[in-house]
Amino acid sequence: MANEALRVPIELRDCRFVRSGGAIEFARFLLETELGSYRPDPEFGCRSPYFAPEFSEELKVEVRNHVLRQFQKYMGIVVNVMISENVTTPTATFVCRVTGTAAGNQRFDLSWEI
């Protein structure tokens, strides 16, 4: 069922992405598409204004809630999302860690920098 949910087209910034796979593939999809907008922009020295111009507690909450919603909506599972606490500058990257159980009781623990 989780794999079926991943076949739902996701509308994103006027593009459509269709992905099929497990939790790792879905996390990679989030990182490469939607969450990629949270990354620092080397040309401007700040985060993309698509979501927020700089790191803040509000940004951490936004990222966390977004990941939770996407996993629940498209994979049908509830996950734990932790955002690193050790960010000191507005343009620094931070780590997003997602843990949970996918279809077939397969546990996963994924981390990536944003």
PDB file of N, CA and C in Angstrom:
ATOM      1  N   MET A   1       0.818  -1.195   0.000  1.00  0.00           N
ATOM      2  CA  MET A   1       0.000   0.000   0.000  1.00  0.00           C
ATOM      3  C   MET A   1       0.861   1.258   0.000  1.00  0.00           C
ATOM      4  N   ALA A   2       1.956   1.225   0.747  1.00  0.00           N
ATOM      5  CA  ALA A   2       2.836   2.395   0.775  1.00  0.00           C
ATOM      6  C   ALA A   2       3.389   2.677  -0.612  1.00  0.00           C
ATOM      7  N   ASN A   3       3.765   1.607  -1.333  1.00  0.00           N
ATOM      8  CA  ASN A   3       4.289   1.808  -2.675  1.00  0.00           C
ATOM      9  C   ASN A   3       3.224   2.376  -3.603  1.00  0.00           C
ATOM     10  N   GLU A   4       1.971   1.962  -3.410  1.00  0.00           N
ATOM     11  CA  GLU A   4       0.893   2.511  -4.224  1.00  0.00           C
ATOM     12  C   GLU A   4       0.753   4.015  -3.996  1.00  0.00           C
ATOM     13  N   ALA A   5       0.872   4.425  -2.736  1.00  0.00           N
ATOM     14  CA  ALA A   5       0.731   5.846  -2.407  1.00  0.00           C
ATOM     15  C   ALA A   5       1.802   6.677  -3.085  1.00  0.00           C
ATOM     16  N   LEU A   6       2.994   6.105  -3.260  1.00  0.00           N
ATOM     17  CA  LEU A   6       4.089   6.858  -3.867  1.00  0.00           C
ATOM     18  C   LEU A   6       3.868   7.110  -5.356  1.00  0.00           C
ATOM     19  N   ARG A   7       2.942   6.399  -5.959  1.00  0.00           N
ATOM     20  CA  ARG A   7       2.698   6.602  -7.386  1.00  0.00           C
ATOM     21  C   ARG A   7       1.798   7.806  -7.646  1.00  0.00           C
ATOM     22  N   VAL A   8       1.318   8.428  -6.582  1.00  0.00           N
ATOM     23  CA  VAL A   8       0.486   9.620  -6.734  1.00  0.00           C
ATOM     24  C   VAL A   8       1.364  10.770  -7.222  1.00  0.00           C
ATOM     25  N   PRO A   9       1.001  11.425  -8.322  1.00  0.00           N
ATOM     26  CA  PRO A   9       1.812  12.561  -8.789  1.00  0.00           C
ATOM     27  C   PRO A   9       1.823  13.679  -7.748  1.00  0.00           C
ATOM     28  N   ILE A  10       2.950  14.292  -7.555  1.00  0.00           N
ATOM     29  CA  ILE A  10       3.085  15.377  -6.593  1.00  0.00           C
ATOM     30  C   ILE A  10       3.324  16.668  -7.360  1.00  0.00           C
ATOM     31  N   GLU A  11       2.434  17.609  -7.199  1.00  0.00           N
ATOM     32  CA  GLU A  11       2.575  18.892  -7.886  1.00  0.00           C
ATOM     33  C   GLU A  11       3.535  19.761  -7.090  1.00  0.00           C
ATOM     34  N   LEU A  12       4.523  20.292  -7.735  1.00  0.00           N
ATOM     35  CA  LEU A  12       5.536  21.051  -7.024  1.00  0.00           C
ATOM     36  C   LEU A  12       6.116  22.109  -7.947  1.00  0.00           C
ATOM     37  N   ARG A  13       5.932  23.365  -7.604  1.00  0.00           N
ATOM     38  CA  ARG A  13       6.508  24.468  -8.365  1.00  0.00           C
ATOM     39  C   ARG A  13       6.308  24.299  -9.868  1.00  0.00           C
ATOM     40  N   ASP A  14       5.083  24.034 -10.260  1.00  0.00           N
ATOM     41  CA  ASP A  14       4.715  23.889 -11.668  1.00  0.00           C
ATOM     42  C   ASP A  14       5.369  22.699 -12.361  1.00  0.00           C
ATOM     43  N   CYS A  15       5.907  21.758 -11.601  1.00  0.00           N
ATOM     44  CA  CYS A  15       6.456  20.538 -12.189  1.00  0.00           C
ATOM     45  C   CYS A  15       5.734  19.359 -11.551  1.00  0.00           C
ATOM     46  N   ARG A  16       5.735  18.223 -12.235  1.00  0.00           N
ATOM     47  CA  ARG A  16       5.123  17.035 -11.651  1.00  0.00           C
ATOM     48  C   ARG A  16       6.197  15.965 -11.507  1.00  0.00           C
ATOM     49  N   PHE A  17       6.226  15.362 -10.320  1.00  0.00           N
ATOM     50  CA  PHE A  17       7.179  14.305 -10.039  1.00  0.00           C
ATOM     51  C   PHE A  17       6.398  13.054  -9.668  1.00  0.00           C
ATOM     52  N   VAL A  18       6.749  11.946 -10.254  1.00  0.00           N
ATOM     53  CA  VAL A  18       6.120  10.686  -9.884  1.00  0.00           C
ATOM     54  C   VAL A  18       7.233   9.763  -9.408  1.00  0.00           C
ATOM     55  N   ARG A  19       7.098   9.251  -8.199  1.00  0.00           N
ATOM     56  CA  ARG A  19       8.119   8.371  -7.631  1.00  0.00           C
ATOM     57  C   ARG A  19       7.459   7.104  -7.121  1.00  0.00           C
ATOM     58  N   SER A  20       8.183   5.997  -7.201  1.00  0.00           N
ATOM     59  CA  SER A  20       7.705   4.743  -6.646  1.00  0.00           C
ATOM     60  C   SER A  20       8.862   4.102  -5.904  1.00  0.00           C
ATOM     61  N   GLY A  21       8.624   3.624  -4.706  1.00  0.00           N
ATOM     62  CA  GLY A  21       9.684   2.987  -3.945  1.00  0.00           C
ATOM     63  C   GLY A  21       9.410   3.024  -2.469  1.00  0.00           C
ATOM     64  N   GLY A  22      10.448   2.809  -1.685  1.00  0.00           N
ATOM     65  CA  GLY A  22      10.310   2.752  -0.241  1.00  0.00           C
ATOM     66  C   GLY A  22      10.643   4.067   0.421  1.00  0.00           C
ATOM     67  N   ALA A  23      10.856   4.000   1.726  1.00  0.00           N
ATOM     68  CA  ALA A  23      11.099   5.199   2.526  1.00  0.00           C
ATOM     69  C   ALA A  23      12.357   5.940   2.084  1.00  0.00           C
ATOM     70  N   ILE A  24      13.410   5.205   1.748  1.00  0.00           N
ATOM     71  CA  ILE A  24      14.667   5.849   1.354  1.00  0.00           C
ATOM     72  C   ILE A  24      14.466   6.628   0.059  1.00  0.00           C
ATOM     73  N   GLU A  25      13.795   6.008  -0.908  1.00  0.00           N
ATOM     74  CA  GLU A  25      13.544   6.694  -2.175  1.00  0.00           C
ATOM     75  C   GLU A  25      12.662   7.915  -1.966  1.00  0.00           C
ATOM     76  N   PHE A  26      11.684   7.795  -1.067  1.00  0.00           N
ATOM     77  CA  PHE A  26      10.796   8.925  -0.818  1.00  0.00           C
ATOM     78  C   PHE A  26      11.550  10.065  -0.148  1.00  0.00           C
ATOM     79  N   ALA A  27      12.406   9.744   0.820  1.00  0.00           N
ATOM     80  CA  ALA A  27      13.203  10.779   1.481  1.00  0.00           C
ATOM     81  C   ALA A  27      14.122  11.459   0.473  1.00  0.00           C
ATOM     82  N   ARG A  28      14.714  10.678  -0.420  1.00  0.00           N
ATOM     83  CA  ARG A  28      15.588  11.257  -1.445  1.00  0.00           C
ATOM     84  C   ARG A  28      14.786  12.191  -2.357  1.00  0.00           C
ATOM     85  N   PHE A  29      13.573  11.783  -2.693  1.00  0.00           N
ATOM     86  CA  PHE A  29      12.702  12.630  -3.504  1.00  0.00           C
ATOM     87  C   PHE A  29      12.417  13.953  -2.799  1.00  0.00           C
ATOM     88  N   LEU A  30      12.085  13.896  -1.498  1.00  0.00           N
ATOM     89  CA  LEU A  30      11.834  15.124  -0.745  1.00  0.00           C
ATOM     90  C   LEU A  30      13.053  16.029  -0.761  1.00  0.00           C
ATOM     91  N   LEU A  31      14.218  15.431  -0.544  1.00  0.00           N
ATOM     92  CA  LEU A  31      15.449  16.212  -0.475  1.00  0.00           C
ATOM     93  C   LEU A  31      15.760  16.874  -1.809  1.00  0.00           C
ATOM     94  N   GLU A  32      15.627  16.110  -2.896  1.00  0.00           N
ATOM     95  CA  GLU A  32      16.016  16.618  -4.207  1.00  0.00           C
ATOM     96  C   GLU A  32      15.014  17.614  -4.780  1.00  0.00           C
ATOM     97  N   THR A  33      13.799  17.608  -4.292  1.00  0.00           N
ATOM     98  CA  THR A  33      12.784  18.499  -4.853  1.00  0.00           C
ATOM     99  C   THR A  33      12.390  19.563  -3.845  1.00  0.00           C
ATOM    100  N   GLU A  34      11.417  19.256  -3.020  1.00  0.00           N
ATOM    101  CA  GLU A  34      10.879  20.262  -2.115  1.00  0.00           C
ATOM    102  C   GLU A  34      11.891  20.766  -1.101  1.00  0.00           C
ATOM    103  N   LEU A  35      12.566  19.865  -0.387  1.00  0.00           N
ATOM    104  CA  LEU A  35      13.479  20.311   0.659  1.00  0.00           C
ATOM    105  C   LEU A  35      14.741  20.939   0.094  1.00  0.00           C
ATOM    106  N   GLY A  36      15.007  20.723  -1.188  1.00  0.00           N
ATOM    107  CA  GLY A  36      16.151  21.373  -1.808  1.00  0.00           C
ATOM    108  C   GLY A  36      16.057  22.883  -1.730  1.00  0.00           C
ATOM    109  N   SER A  37      14.847  23.399  -1.624  1.00  0.00           N
ATOM    110  CA  SER A  37      14.662  24.846  -1.531  1.00  0.00           C
ATOM    111  C   SER A  37      15.100  25.407  -0.189  1.00  0.00           C
ATOM    112  N   TYR A  38      15.322  24.535   0.783  1.00  0.00           N
ATOM    113  CA  TYR A  38      15.781  24.998   2.091  1.00  0.00           C
ATOM    114  C   TYR A  38      17.306  25.122   2.141  1.00  0.00           C
ATOM    115  N   ARG A  39      17.979  24.615   1.131  1.00  0.00           N
ATOM    116  CA  ARG A  39      19.446  24.625   1.149  1.00  0.00           C
ATOM    117  C   ARG A  39      19.987  26.039   0.968  1.00  0.00           C
ATOM    118  N   PRO A  40      21.191  26.290   1.504  1.00  0.00           N
ATOM    119  CA  PRO A  40      21.809  27.601   1.275  1.00  0.00           C
ATOM    120  C   PRO A  40      22.073  27.803  -0.219  1.00  0.00           C
ATOM    121  N   ASP A  41      21.933  29.011  -0.661  1.00  0.00           N
ATOM    122  CA  ASP A  41      22.210  29.352  -2.050  1.00  0.00           C
ATOM    123  C   ASP A  41      23.592  29.976  -2.100  1.00  0.00           C
ATOM    124  N   PRO A  42      24.585  29.279  -2.698  1.00  0.00           N
ATOM    125  CA  PRO A  42      25.957  29.805  -2.694  1.00  0.00           C
ATOM    126  C   PRO A  42      26.090  31.143  -3.410  1.00  0.00           C
ATOM    127  N   GLU A  43      25.246  31.386  -4.398  1.00  0.00           N
ATOM    128  CA  GLU A  43      25.330  32.642  -5.148  1.00  0.00           C
ATOM    129  C   GLU A  43      24.926  33.835  -4.283  1.00  0.00           C
ATOM    130  N   PHE A  44      23.914  33.654  -3.475  1.00  0.00           N
ATOM    131  CA  PHE A  44      23.415  34.757  -2.659  1.00  0.00           C
ATOM    132  C   PHE A  44      23.867  34.682  -1.207  1.00  0.00           C
ATOM    133  N   GLY A  45      24.479  33.550  -0.823  1.00  0.00           N
ATOM    134  CA  GLY A  45      24.967  33.415   0.544  1.00  0.00           C
ATOM    135  C   GLY A  45      23.862  33.294   1.566  1.00  0.00           C
ATOM    136  N   CYS A  46      22.683  32.887   1.132  1.00  0.00           N
ATOM    137  CA  CYS A  46      21.577  32.714   2.078  1.00  0.00           C
ATOM    138  C   CYS A  46      20.656  31.620   1.552  1.00  0.00           C
ATOM    139  N   ARG A  47      19.709  31.248   2.352  1.00  0.00           N
ATOM    140  CA  ARG A  47      18.762  30.228   1.924  1.00  0.00           C
ATOM    141  C   ARG A  47      17.857  30.771   0.828  1.00  0.00           C
ATOM    142  N   SER A  48      17.375  29.871   0.022  1.00  0.00           N
ATOM    143  CA  SER A  48      16.444  30.257  -1.026  1.00  0.00           C
ATOM    144  C   SER A  48      15.229  30.943  -0.417  1.00  0.00           C
ATOM    145  N   PRO A  49      14.784  32.041  -0.988  1.00  0.00           N
ATOM    146  CA  PRO A  49      13.609  32.735  -0.456  1.00  0.00           C
ATOM    147  C   PRO A  49      12.310  31.986  -0.728  1.00  0.00           C
ATOM    148  N   TYR A  50      12.403  30.834  -1.409  1.00  0.00           N
ATOM    149  CA  TYR A  50      11.182  30.087  -1.719  1.00  0.00           C
ATOM    150  C   TYR A  50      10.414  29.738  -0.447  1.00  0.00           C
ATOM    151  N   PHE A  51      11.137  29.381   0.629  1.00  0.00           N
ATOM    152  CA  PHE A  51      10.478  29.109   1.899  1.00  0.00           C
ATOM    153  C   PHE A  51      10.814  30.163   2.939  1.00  0.00           C
ATOM    154  N   ALA A  52      12.088  30.337   3.239  1.00  0.00           N
ATOM    155  CA  ALA A  52      12.495  31.304   4.262  1.00  0.00           C
ATOM    156  C   ALA A  52      13.917  31.750   3.965  1.00  0.00           C
ATOM    157  N   PRO A  53      14.252  33.013   4.206  1.00  0.00           N
ATOM    158  CA  PRO A  53      15.565  33.531   3.845  1.00  0.00           C
ATOM    159  C   PRO A  53      16.683  33.103   4.778  1.00  0.00           C
ATOM    160  N   GLU A  54      16.381  32.673   5.990  1.00  0.00           N
ATOM    161  CA  GLU A  54      17.454  32.300   6.902  1.00  0.00           C
ATOM    162  C   GLU A  54      16.960  31.284   7.911  1.00  0.00           C
ATOM    163  N   PHE A  55      17.929  30.638   8.554  1.00  0.00           N
ATOM    164  CA  PHE A  55      17.587  29.617   9.538  1.00  0.00           C
ATOM    165  C   PHE A  55      16.954  30.260  10.760  1.00  0.00           C
ATOM    166  N   SER A  56      15.932  29.621  11.289  1.00  0.00           N
ATOM    167  CA  SER A  56      15.269  30.111  12.494  1.00  0.00           C
ATOM    168  C   SER A  56      14.513  28.949  13.124  1.00  0.00           C
ATOM    169  N   GLU A  57      14.017  29.161  14.313  1.00  0.00           N
ATOM    170  CA  GLU A  57      13.192  28.137  14.950  1.00  0.00           C
ATOM    171  C   GLU A  57      11.941  27.881  14.108  1.00  0.00           C
ATOM    172  N   GLU A  58      11.409  28.934  13.500  1.00  0.00           N
ATOM    173  CA  GLU A  58      10.227  28.772  12.660  1.00  0.00           C
ATOM    174  C   GLU A  58      10.530  27.891  11.451  1.00  0.00           C
ATOM    175  N   LEU A  59      11.732  28.051  10.887  1.00  0.00           N
ATOM    176  CA  LEU A  59      12.124  27.226   9.751  1.00  0.00           C
ATOM    177  C   LEU A  59      12.234  25.768  10.173  1.00  0.00           C
ATOM    178  N   LYS A  60      12.819  25.517  11.347  1.00  0.00           N
ATOM    179  CA  LYS A  60      12.927  24.143  11.841  1.00  0.00           C
ATOM    180  C   LYS A  60      11.545  23.512  11.979  1.00  0.00           C
ATOM    181  N   VAL A  61      10.618  24.260  12.534  1.00  0.00           N
ATOM    182  CA  VAL A  61       9.256  23.749  12.717  1.00  0.00           C
ATOM    183  C   VAL A  61       8.601  23.502  11.360  1.00  0.00           C
ATOM    184  N   GLU A  62       8.823  24.425  10.422  1.00  0.00           N
ATOM    185  CA  GLU A  62       8.237  24.287   9.089  1.00  0.00           C
ATOM    186  C   GLU A  62       8.763  23.045   8.382  1.00  0.00           C
ATOM    187  N   VAL A  63      10.074  22.836   8.434  1.00  0.00           N
ATOM    188  CA  VAL A  63      10.668  21.661   7.797  1.00  0.00           C
ATOM    189  C   VAL A  63      10.132  20.393   8.448  1.00  0.00           C
ATOM    190  N   ARG A  64      10.141  20.360   9.773  1.00  0.00           N
ATOM    191  CA  ARG A  64       9.684  19.170  10.501  1.00  0.00           C
ATOM    192  C   ARG A  64       8.236  18.839  10.142  1.00  0.00           C
ATOM    193  N   ASN A  65       7.367  19.829  10.197  1.00  0.00           N
ATOM    194  CA  ASN A  65       5.955  19.596   9.894  1.00  0.00           C
ATOM    195  C   ASN A  65       5.742  19.177   8.446  1.00  0.00           C
ATOM    196  N   HIS A  66       6.533  19.766   7.544  1.00  0.00           N
ATOM    197  CA  HIS A  66       6.413  19.427   6.128  1.00  0.00           C
ATOM    198  C   HIS A  66       6.778  17.963   5.896  1.00  0.00           C
ATOM    199  N   VAL A  67       7.881  17.518   6.492  1.00  0.00           N
ATOM    200  CA  VAL A  67       8.309  16.128   6.331  1.00  0.00           C
ATOM    201  C   VAL A  67       7.261  15.186   6.917  1.00  0.00           C
ATOM    202  N   LEU A  68       6.756  15.511   8.096  1.00  0.00           N
ATOM    203  CA  LEU A  68       5.706  14.686   8.714  1.00  0.00           C
ATOM    204  C   LEU A  68       4.493  14.549   7.793  1.00  0.00           C
ATOM    205  N   ARG A  69       4.028  15.680   7.258  1.00  0.00           N
ATOM    206  CA  ARG A  69       2.846  15.665   6.388  1.00  0.00           C
ATOM    207  C   ARG A  69       3.083  14.850   5.124  1.00  0.00           C
ATOM    208  N   GLN A  70       4.259  15.020   4.523  1.00  0.00           N
ATOM    209  CA  GLN A  70       4.532  14.330   3.265  1.00  0.00           C
ATOM    210  C   GLN A  70       4.603  12.821   3.462  1.00  0.00           C
ATOM    211  N   PHE A  71       5.275  12.378   4.530  1.00  0.00           N
ATOM    212  CA  PHE A  71       5.350  10.939   4.777  1.00  0.00           C
ATOM    213  C   PHE A  71       3.959  10.379   5.063  1.00  0.00           C
ATOM    214  N   GLN A  72       3.167  11.098   5.842  1.00  0.00           N
ATOM    215  CA  GLN A  72       1.826  10.609   6.167  1.00  0.00           C
ATOM    216  C   GLN A  72       0.943  10.589   4.922  1.00  0.00           C
ATOM    217  N   LYS A  73       1.003  11.645   4.132  1.00  0.00           N
ATOM    218  CA  LYS A  73       0.130  11.761   2.968  1.00  0.00           C
ATOM    219  C   LYS A  73       0.475  10.765   1.869  1.00  0.00           C
ATOM    220  N   TYR A  74       1.764  10.652   1.533  1.00  0.00           N
ATOM    221  CA  TYR A  74       2.143   9.857   0.373  1.00  0.00           C
ATOM    222  C   TYR A  74       2.633   8.456   0.691  1.00  0.00           C
ATOM    223  N   MET A  75       3.039   8.198   1.938  1.00  0.00           N
ATOM    224  CA  MET A  75       3.457   6.848   2.308  1.00  0.00           C
ATOM    225  C   MET A  75       2.492   6.214   3.293  1.00  0.00           C
ATOM    226  N   GLY A  76       1.618   7.011   3.878  1.00  0.00           N
ATOM    227  CA  GLY A  76       0.648   6.469   4.804  1.00  0.00           C
ATOM    228  C   GLY A  76       1.233   6.038   6.130  1.00  0.00           C
ATOM    229  N   ILE A  77       2.378   6.605   6.506  1.00  0.00           N
ATOM    230  CA  ILE A  77       3.002   6.240   7.780  1.00  0.00           C
ATOM    231  C   ILE A  77       3.348   7.494   8.572  1.00  0.00           C
ATOM    232  N   VAL A  78       3.354   7.336   9.890  1.00  0.00           N
ATOM    233  CA  VAL A  78       3.753   8.418  10.781  1.00  0.00           C
ATOM    234  C   VAL A  78       5.216   8.187  11.128  1.00  0.00           C
ATOM    235  N   VAL A  79       6.017   9.235  11.057  1.00  0.00           N
ATOM    236  CA  VAL A  79       7.451   9.124  11.322  1.00  0.00           C
ATOM    237  C   VAL A  79       7.856  10.088  12.427  1.00  0.00           C
ATOM    238  N   ASN A  80       9.024   9.854  12.981  1.00  0.00           N
ATOM    239  CA  ASN A  80       9.636  10.797  13.916  1.00  0.00           C
ATOM    240  C   ASN A  80      10.597  11.659  13.116  1.00  0.00           C
ATOM    241  N   VAL A  81      10.533  12.978  13.297  1.00  0.00           N
ATOM    242  CA  VAL A  81      11.414  13.894  12.575  1.00  0.00           C
ATOM    243  C   VAL A  81      12.175  14.732  13.588  1.00  0.00           C
ATOM    244  N   MET A  82      13.504  14.688  13.504  1.00  0.00           N
ATOM    245  CA  MET A  82      14.346  15.474  14.394  1.00  0.00           C
ATOM    246  C   MET A  82      15.218  16.401  13.561  1.00  0.00           C
ATOM    247  N   ILE A  83      15.318  17.649  13.966  1.00  0.00           N
ATOM    248  CA  ILE A  83      16.160  18.633  13.294  1.00  0.00           C
ATOM    249  C   ILE A  83      17.319  18.950  14.226  1.00  0.00           C
ATOM    250  N   SER A  84      18.538  18.978  13.676  1.00  0.00           N
ATOM    251  CA  SER A  84      19.718  19.234  14.507  1.00  0.00           C
ATOM    252  C   SER A  84      19.611  20.568  15.224  1.00  0.00           C
ATOM    253  N   GLU A  85      20.189  20.624  16.409  1.00  0.00           N
ATOM    254  CA  GLU A  85      20.115  21.823  17.248  1.00  0.00           C
ATOM    255  C   GLU A  85      21.365  22.694  17.161  1.00  0.00           C
ATOM    256  N   ASN A  86      22.390  22.225  16.480  1.00  0.00           N
ATOM    257  CA  ASN A  86      23.690  22.890  16.547  1.00  0.00           C
ATOM    258  C   ASN A  86      23.954  23.867  15.402  1.00  0.00           C
ATOM    259  N   VAL A  87      22.939  24.521  14.906  1.00  0.00           N
ATOM    260  CA  VAL A  87      23.118  25.488  13.825  1.00  0.00           C
ATOM    261  C   VAL A  87      23.394  26.859  14.431  1.00  0.00           C
ATOM    262  N   THR A  88      24.480  27.504  13.973  1.00  0.00           N
ATOM    263  CA  THR A  88      24.866  28.778  14.581  1.00  0.00           C
ATOM    264  C   THR A  88      24.761  29.971  13.641  1.00  0.00           C
ATOM    265  N   THR A  89      24.750  29.736  12.347  1.00  0.00           N
ATOM    266  CA  THR A  89      24.672  30.862  11.410  1.00  0.00           C
ATOM    267  C   THR A  89      23.436  30.712  10.530  1.00  0.00           C
ATOM    268  N   PRO A  90      22.913  31.806  10.035  1.00  0.00           N
ATOM    269  CA  PRO A  90      21.692  31.740   9.222  1.00  0.00           C
ATOM    270  C   PRO A  90      21.811  30.874   7.979  1.00  0.00           C
ATOM    271  N   THR A  91      23.004  30.781   7.398  1.00  0.00           N
ATOM    272  CA  THR A  91      23.138  30.026   6.154  1.00  0.00           C
ATOM    273  C   THR A  91      23.722  28.640   6.357  1.00  0.00           C
ATOM    274  N   ALA A  92      23.930  28.230   7.591  1.00  0.00           N
ATOM    275  CA  ALA A  92      24.504  26.909   7.849  1.00  0.00           C
ATOM    276  C   ALA A  92      23.504  25.813   7.504  1.00  0.00           C
ATOM    277  N   THR A  93      24.036  24.672   7.112  1.00  0.00           N
ATOM    278  CA  THR A  93      23.156  23.541   6.877  1.00  0.00           C
ATOM    279  C   THR A  93      22.749  22.934   8.213  1.00  0.00           C
ATOM    280  N   PHE A  94      21.667  22.205   8.206  1.00  0.00           N
ATOM    281  CA  PHE A  94      21.256  21.482   9.402  1.00  0.00           C
ATOM    282  C   PHE A  94      20.824  20.086   8.985  1.00  0.00           C
ATOM    283  N   VAL A  95      20.800  19.182   9.935  1.00  0.00           N
ATOM    284  CA  VAL A  95      20.505  17.787   9.638  1.00  0.00           C
ATOM    285  C   VAL A  95      19.061  17.473   9.997  1.00  0.00           C
ATOM    286  N   CYS A  96      18.379  16.837   9.073  1.00  0.00           N
ATOM    287  CA  CYS A  96      17.020  16.359   9.301  1.00  0.00           C
ATOM    288  C   CYS A  96      17.104  14.834   9.388  1.00  0.00           C
ATOM    289  N   ARG A  97      16.615  14.265  10.487  1.00  0.00           N
ATOM    290  CA  ARG A  97      16.648  12.816  10.681  1.00  0.00           C
ATOM    291  C   ARG A  97      15.215  12.311  10.793  1.00  0.00           C
ATOM    292  N   VAL A  98      14.914  11.268  10.031  1.00  0.00           N
ATOM    293  CA  VAL A  98      13.576  10.687  10.021  1.00  0.00           C
ATOM    294  C   VAL A  98      13.683   9.213  10.374  1.00  0.00           C
ATOM    295  N   THR A  99      12.911   8.786  11.363  1.00  0.00           N
ATOM    296  CA  THR A  99      12.876   7.373  11.728  1.00  0.00           C
ATOM    297  C   THR A  99      11.430   6.903  11.724  1.00  0.00           C
ATOM    298  N   GLY A 100      11.243   5.625  11.458  1.00  0.00           N
ATOM    299  CA  GLY A 100       9.895   5.082  11.467  1.00  0.00           C
ATOM    300  C   GLY A 100       9.875   3.656  10.969  1.00  0.00           C
ATOM    301  N   THR A 101       8.691   3.164  10.705  1.00  0.00           N
ATOM    302  CA  THR A 101       8.500   1.802  10.217  1.00  0.00           C
ATOM    303  C   THR A 101       7.673   1.857   8.944  1.00  0.00           C
ATOM    304  N   ALA A 102       8.226   1.305   7.877  1.00  0.00           N
ATOM    305  CA  ALA A 102       7.543   1.298   6.587  1.00  0.00           C
ATOM    306  C   ALA A 102       6.720   0.020   6.455  1.00  0.00           C
ATOM    307  N   ALA A 103       6.160  -0.185   5.273  1.00  0.00           N
ATOM    308  CA  ALA A 103       5.349  -1.375   5.021  1.00  0.00           C
ATOM    309  C   ALA A 103       6.152  -2.635   5.311  1.00  0.00           C
ATOM    310  N   GLY A 104       5.479  -3.653   5.809  1.00  0.00           N
ATOM    311  CA  GLY A 104       6.158  -4.900   6.119  1.00  0.00           C
ATOM    312  C   GLY A 104       7.012  -4.817   7.361  1.00  0.00           C
ATOM    313  N   ASN A 105       6.724  -3.860   8.236  1.00  0.00           N
ATOM    314  CA  ASN A 105       7.478  -3.660   9.484  1.00  0.00           C
ATOM    315  C   ASN A 105       8.963  -3.416   9.254  1.00  0.00           C
ATOM    316  N   GLN A 106       9.315  -2.812   8.133  1.00  0.00           N
ATOM    317  CA  GLN A 106      10.709  -2.504   7.844  1.00  0.00           C
ATOM    318  C   GLN A 106      11.070  -1.170   8.486  1.00  0.00           C
ATOM    319  N   ARG A 107      11.979  -1.212   9.475  1.00  0.00           N
ATOM    320  CA  ARG A 107      12.400  -0.003  10.182  1.00  0.00           C
ATOM    321  C   ARG A 107      13.393   0.768   9.322  1.00  0.00           C
ATOM    322  N   PHE A 108      13.342   2.088   9.410  1.00  0.00           N
ATOM    323  CA  PHE A 108      14.318   2.900   8.689  1.00  0.00           C
ATOM    324  C   PHE A 108      14.755   4.067   9.556  1.00  0.00           C
ATOM    325  N   ASP A 109      15.954   4.535   9.289  1.00  0.00           N
ATOM    326  CA  ASP A 109      16.550   5.662  10.009  1.00  0.00           C
ATOM    327  C   ASP A 109      17.331   6.447   8.968  1.00  0.00           C
ATOM    328  N   LEU A 110      16.790   7.581   8.536  1.00  0.00           N
ATOM    329  CA  LEU A 110      17.370   8.358   7.445  1.00  0.00           C
ATOM    330  C   LEU A 110      17.812   9.718   7.940  1.00  0.00           C
ATOM    331  N   SER A 111      18.969  10.163   7.490  1.00  0.00           N
ATOM    332  CA  SER A 111      19.448  11.502   7.839  1.00  0.00           C
ATOM    333  C   SER A 111      19.985  12.168   6.587  1.00  0.00           C
ATOM    334  N   TRP A 112      19.778  13.470   6.473  1.00  0.00           N
ATOM    335  CA  TRP A 112      20.377  14.213   5.369  1.00  0.00           C
ATOM    336  C   TRP A 112      20.540  15.663   5.766  1.00  0.00           C
ATOM    337  N   GLU A 113      21.475  16.327   5.114  1.00  0.00           N
ATOM    338  CA  GLU A 113      21.715  17.743   5.379  1.00  0.00           C
ATOM    339  C   GLU A 113      20.821  18.588   4.500  1.00  0.00           C
ATOM    340  N   ILE A 114      20.343  19.676   5.066  1.00  0.00           N
ATOM    341  CA  ILE A 114      19.529  20.628   4.315  1.00  0.00           C
ATOM    342  C   ILE A 114      20.216  21.977   4.380  1.00  0.00           C
TER     343      ILE A 114
END
